[in-house]
């Protein structure tokens, strides 16, 4: 079974994904989007948003199977809290 190598490091994903979120997603957010997960394809800038992280990523991957995904959460500094 062939393995795929990541195209970007986690730091590169975070930088590109955060930039796309700030430029494209944040201006389009509405108050009711607060807390929703945003799955971003860092290659194309396409994104999906949902209250469920798995649903957002699944919808994005259905449209873009090879997406290099970064996950954000509207209104939060990080997608998850430890």
Protein backbone atom coordinates (compact mmCIF):
# COMPACT_ATOMS: atom_id res chain seq x y z
CA UNK A 1 0.00 0.00 0.00
CA UNK A 2 1.57 3.31 -1.04
CA UNK A 3 1.97 6.00 1.58
CA UNK A 4 1.46 9.66 0.87
CA UNK A 5 3.86 12.24 2.19
CA UNK A 6 2.43 15.45 3.63
CA UNK A 7 2.77 18.31 1.18
CA UNK A 8 3.29 20.88 3.95
CA UNK A 9 4.59 20.93 7.48
CA UNK A 10 2.12 21.64 10.30
CA UNK A 11 3.63 25.12 10.65
CA UNK A 12 3.13 25.82 6.94
CA UNK A 13 -0.48 24.59 7.14
CA UNK A 14 -1.13 26.83 10.15
CA UNK A 15 0.38 29.88 8.46
CA UNK A 16 -1.41 29.45 5.14
CA UNK A 17 -4.69 28.33 6.73
CA UNK A 18 -4.68 31.23 9.19
CA UNK A 19 -4.03 33.70 6.39
CA UNK A 20 -6.89 32.32 4.28
CA UNK A 21 -9.18 32.40 7.33
CA UNK A 22 -8.33 36.05 8.01
CA UNK A 23 -8.65 37.18 4.37
CA UNK A 24 -11.57 35.10 3.08
CA UNK A 25 -13.53 33.51 5.89
CA UNK A 26 -13.54 36.05 8.74
CA UNK A 27 -15.11 38.86 6.63
CA UNK A 28 -17.95 36.50 5.62
CA UNK A 29 -18.77 35.31 9.16
CA UNK A 30 -22.11 36.13 10.73
CA UNK A 31 -22.88 36.15 14.48
CA UNK A 32 -24.63 32.78 14.17
CA UNK A 33 -21.39 31.24 12.82
CA UNK A 34 -19.57 31.76 16.15
CA UNK A 35 -18.19 28.44 17.35
CA UNK A 36 -18.58 26.62 14.03
CA UNK A 37 -15.67 24.67 12.59
CA UNK A 38 -14.15 25.87 9.32
CA UNK A 39 -12.29 23.32 7.18
CA UNK A 40 -10.03 25.14 4.71
CA UNK A 41 -8.26 23.72 1.66
CA UNK A 42 -4.98 25.64 1.85
CA UNK A 43 -4.27 24.93 -1.83
CA UNK A 44 -7.44 26.53 -3.24
CA UNK A 45 -8.90 28.59 -0.39
CA UNK A 46 -12.18 26.64 -0.61
CA UNK A 47 -13.81 25.99 2.73
CA UNK A 48 -16.77 24.37 4.47
CA UNK A 49 -18.30 25.38 7.78
CA UNK A 50 -20.35 23.29 10.22
CA UNK A 51 -21.06 22.92 13.93
CA UNK A 52 -19.50 19.45 13.62
CA UNK A 53 -15.80 19.27 12.68
CA UNK A 54 -16.15 15.91 10.92
CA UNK A 55 -19.05 17.17 8.79
CA UNK A 56 -17.11 20.26 7.68
CA UNK A 57 -14.03 18.22 6.69
CA UNK A 58 -16.14 15.52 5.02
CA UNK A 59 -18.01 18.03 2.85
CA UNK A 60 -14.76 19.71 1.84
CA UNK A 61 -13.16 16.36 0.98
CA UNK A 62 -16.25 15.35 -1.01
CA UNK A 63 -15.64 18.39 -3.24
CA UNK A 64 -11.84 18.37 -3.05
CA UNK A 65 -10.60 14.81 -2.35
CA UNK A 66 -6.93 15.84 -2.38
CA UNK A 67 -7.47 18.89 -0.13
CA UNK A 68 -4.66 19.86 2.21
CA UNK A 69 -6.98 20.74 5.12
CA UNK A 70 -6.51 23.21 7.97
CA UNK A 71 -9.25 23.35 10.61
CA UNK A 72 -10.21 26.57 12.41
CA UNK A 73 -13.08 27.51 14.69
CA UNK A 74 -14.98 30.75 14.17
CA UNK A 75 -14.58 33.07 17.16
CA UNK A 76 -11.75 31.05 18.73
CA UNK A 77 -7.96 31.16 18.52
CA UNK A 78 -7.78 27.38 18.02
CA UNK A 79 -10.09 24.65 16.80
CA UNK A 80 -9.80 22.71 20.07
CA UNK A 81 -9.05 23.36 23.73
CA UNK A 82 -6.85 21.08 25.81
